[in-house]
Amino acid sequence: MAIGFIGLGVMGQPMALNLVRAGTDLVVWNRSPEGSAPLRALGVPVADTSADVFRRAQTRQGAAPRCHCIPRVRTFIPEPIFQE
């Protein structure tokens, strides 16, 4: 099963690219489409929503800044892993 990766910015994109280059099966999502473009070009499936990542991957990794996007992602997390 794929690993889900949410957040493909300055930190997340290089992390996800390293995982793919190491042969890891990923499914990714980023709040802006341009962040996922390099991974899509390598054939990595890009989820339509963060919820889609949670449906398609049993293990998930995130690299998201502390910003307005966190509540959208947090909605789909089955247990509280974020702390205010």
C-alpha atoms as a PDB file:
ATOM      1  CA  MET A   1       0.000   0.000   0.000  1.00  0.00           C
ATOM      2  CA  ALA A   2       1.145   3.528  -0.770  1.00  0.00           C
ATOM      3  CA  ILE A   3       2.375   6.061   1.712  1.00  0.00           C
ATOM      4  CA  GLY A   4       0.398   9.289   1.646  1.00  0.00           C
ATOM      5  CA  PHE A   5       2.312  12.554   1.621  1.00  0.00           C
ATOM      6  CA  ILE A   6       0.561  15.863   2.269  1.00  0.00           C
ATOM      7  CA  GLY A   7       2.389  19.148   1.772  1.00  0.00           C
ATOM      8  CA  LEU A   8       4.836  19.569  -1.086  1.00  0.00           C
ATOM      9  CA  GLY A   9       6.422  22.892  -0.342  1.00  0.00           C
ATOM     10  CA  VAL A  10       9.979  23.877   0.487  1.00  0.00           C
ATOM     11  CA  MET A  11      10.441  20.971   2.892  1.00  0.00           C
ATOM     12  CA  GLY A  12       7.876  18.424   1.721  1.00  0.00           C
ATOM     13  CA  GLN A  13       8.657  18.298  -1.976  1.00  0.00           C
ATOM     14  CA  PRO A  14      12.331  17.299  -1.546  1.00  0.00           C
ATOM     15  CA  MET A  15      11.318  14.722   1.077  1.00  0.00           C
ATOM     16  CA  ALA A  16       8.694  13.201  -1.220  1.00  0.00           C
ATOM     17  CA  LEU A  17      11.082  13.221  -4.201  1.00  0.00           C
ATOM     18  CA  ASN A  18      13.707  11.374  -2.130  1.00  0.00           C
ATOM     19  CA  LEU A  19      11.120   8.760  -1.136  1.00  0.00           C
ATOM     20  CA  VAL A  20      10.119   8.220  -4.770  1.00  0.00           C
ATOM     21  CA  ARG A  21      13.737   7.953  -5.895  1.00  0.00           C
ATOM     22  CA  ALA A  22      14.255   5.328  -3.190  1.00  0.00           C
ATOM     23  CA  GLY A  23      11.400   3.291  -4.682  1.00  0.00           C
ATOM     24  CA  THR A  24       8.658   4.187  -2.206  1.00  0.00           C
ATOM     25  CA  ASP A  25       5.084   3.923  -3.465  1.00  0.00           C
ATOM     26  CA  LEU A  26       3.529   7.351  -2.765  1.00  0.00           C
ATOM     27  CA  VAL A  27       0.262   9.172  -3.256  1.00  0.00           C
ATOM     28  CA  VAL A  28       0.583  12.932  -2.739  1.00  0.00           C
ATOM     29  CA  TRP A  29      -1.520  16.060  -2.283  1.00  0.00           C
ATOM     30  CA  ASN A  30      -0.642  19.718  -2.098  1.00  0.00           C
ATOM     31  CA  ARG A  31      -2.975  22.676  -1.625  1.00  0.00           C
ATOM     32  CA  SER A  32      -1.576  24.283  -4.794  1.00  0.00           C
ATOM     33  CA  PRO A  33      -1.228  22.116  -7.932  1.00  0.00           C
ATOM     34  CA  GLU A  34       2.215  23.428  -8.901  1.00  0.00           C
ATOM     35  CA  GLY A  35       3.734  21.798  -5.806  1.00  0.00           C
ATOM     36  CA  SER A  36       2.800  18.341  -7.042  1.00  0.00           C
ATOM     37  CA  ALA A  37       3.950  18.879 -10.652  1.00  0.00           C
ATOM     38  CA  PRO A  38       7.483  17.398 -10.259  1.00  0.00           C
ATOM     39  CA  LEU A  39       6.053  14.292  -8.600  1.00  0.00           C
ATOM     40  CA  ARG A  40       3.289  13.937 -11.182  1.00  0.00           C
ATOM     41  CA  ALA A  41       5.990  14.117 -13.872  1.00  0.00           C
ATOM     42  CA  LEU A  42       7.654  11.094 -12.230  1.00  0.00           C
ATOM     43  CA  GLY A  43       4.372   9.154 -12.367  1.00  0.00           C
ATOM     44  CA  VAL A  44       3.394   9.626  -8.718  1.00  0.00           C
ATOM     45  CA  PRO A  45      -0.386   9.594  -8.223  1.00  0.00           C
ATOM     46  CA  VAL A  46      -1.691  12.987  -7.111  1.00  0.00           C
ATOM     47  CA  ALA A  47      -4.795  12.868  -4.921  1.00  0.00           C
ATOM     48  CA  ASP A  48      -7.681  15.225  -5.621  1.00  0.00           C
ATOM     49  CA  THR A  49      -8.044  16.155  -1.939  1.00  0.00           C
ATOM     50  CA  SER A  50      -6.307  15.558   1.373  1.00  0.00           C
ATOM     51  CA  ALA A  51      -9.181  13.230   2.253  1.00  0.00           C
ATOM     52  CA  ASP A  52      -8.322  11.175  -0.816  1.00  0.00           C
ATOM     53  CA  VAL A  53      -4.803  10.662   0.573  1.00  0.00           C
ATOM     54  CA  PHE A  54      -6.311   9.246   3.779  1.00  0.00           C
ATOM     55  CA  ARG A  55      -8.507   6.877   1.774  1.00  0.00           C
ATOM     56  CA  ARG A  56      -5.672   5.665  -0.475  1.00  0.00           C
ATOM     57  CA  ALA A  57      -2.809   5.324   2.012  1.00  0.00           C
ATOM     58  CA  GLN A  58      -2.599   3.567   5.353  1.00  0.00           C
ATOM     59  CA  THR A  59       0.528   5.479   6.386  1.00  0.00           C
ATOM     60  CA  ARG A  60       0.658   9.248   5.959  1.00  0.00           C
ATOM     61  CA  GLN A  61       3.373  11.877   6.238  1.00  0.00           C
ATOM     62  CA  GLY A  62       2.840  15.588   6.300  1.00  0.00           C
ATOM     63  CA  ALA A  63       4.998  18.648   5.856  1.00  0.00           C
ATOM     64  CA  ALA A  64       2.614  21.552   6.193  1.00  0.00           C
ATOM     65  CA  PRO A  65       3.290  24.994   7.601  1.00  0.00           C
ATOM     66  CA  ARG A  66       1.290  26.311  10.477  1.00  0.00           C
ATOM     67  CA  CYS A  67      -1.229  28.101   8.325  1.00  0.00           C
ATOM     68  CA  HIS A  68      -4.838  28.220   7.221  1.00  0.00           C
ATOM     69  CA  CYS A  69      -4.471  24.898   5.336  1.00  0.00           C
ATOM     70  CA  ILE A  70      -4.066  22.793   8.514  1.00  0.00           C
ATOM     71  CA  PRO A  71      -7.787  22.775   9.458  1.00  0.00           C
ATOM     72  CA  ARG A  72      -8.678  21.442   5.979  1.00  0.00           C
ATOM     73  CA  VAL A  73      -6.249  18.548   6.357  1.00  0.00           C
ATOM     74  CA  ARG A  74      -7.029  17.984  10.031  1.00  0.00           C
ATOM     75  CA  THR A  75     -10.697  17.345   9.222  1.00  0.00           C
ATOM     76  CA  PHE A  76      -9.760  13.968   7.738  1.00  0.00           C
ATOM     77  CA  ILE A  77      -7.441  12.733  10.477  1.00  0.00           C
ATOM     78  CA  PRO A  78      -9.191   9.976  12.438  1.00  0.00           C
ATOM     79  CA  GLU A  79      -7.514  10.773  15.752  1.00  0.00           C
ATOM     80  CA  PRO A  80      -6.080  13.974  17.177  1.00  0.00           C
ATOM     81  CA  ILE A  81      -2.408  14.091  16.309  1.00  0.00           C
ATOM     82  CA  PHE A  82      -2.074  17.845  16.115  1.00  0.00           C
ATOM     83  CA  GLN A  83      -1.655  19.896  19.236  1.00  0.00           C
ATOM     84  CA  GLU A  84      -2.443  23.578  19.443  1.00  0.00           C
END
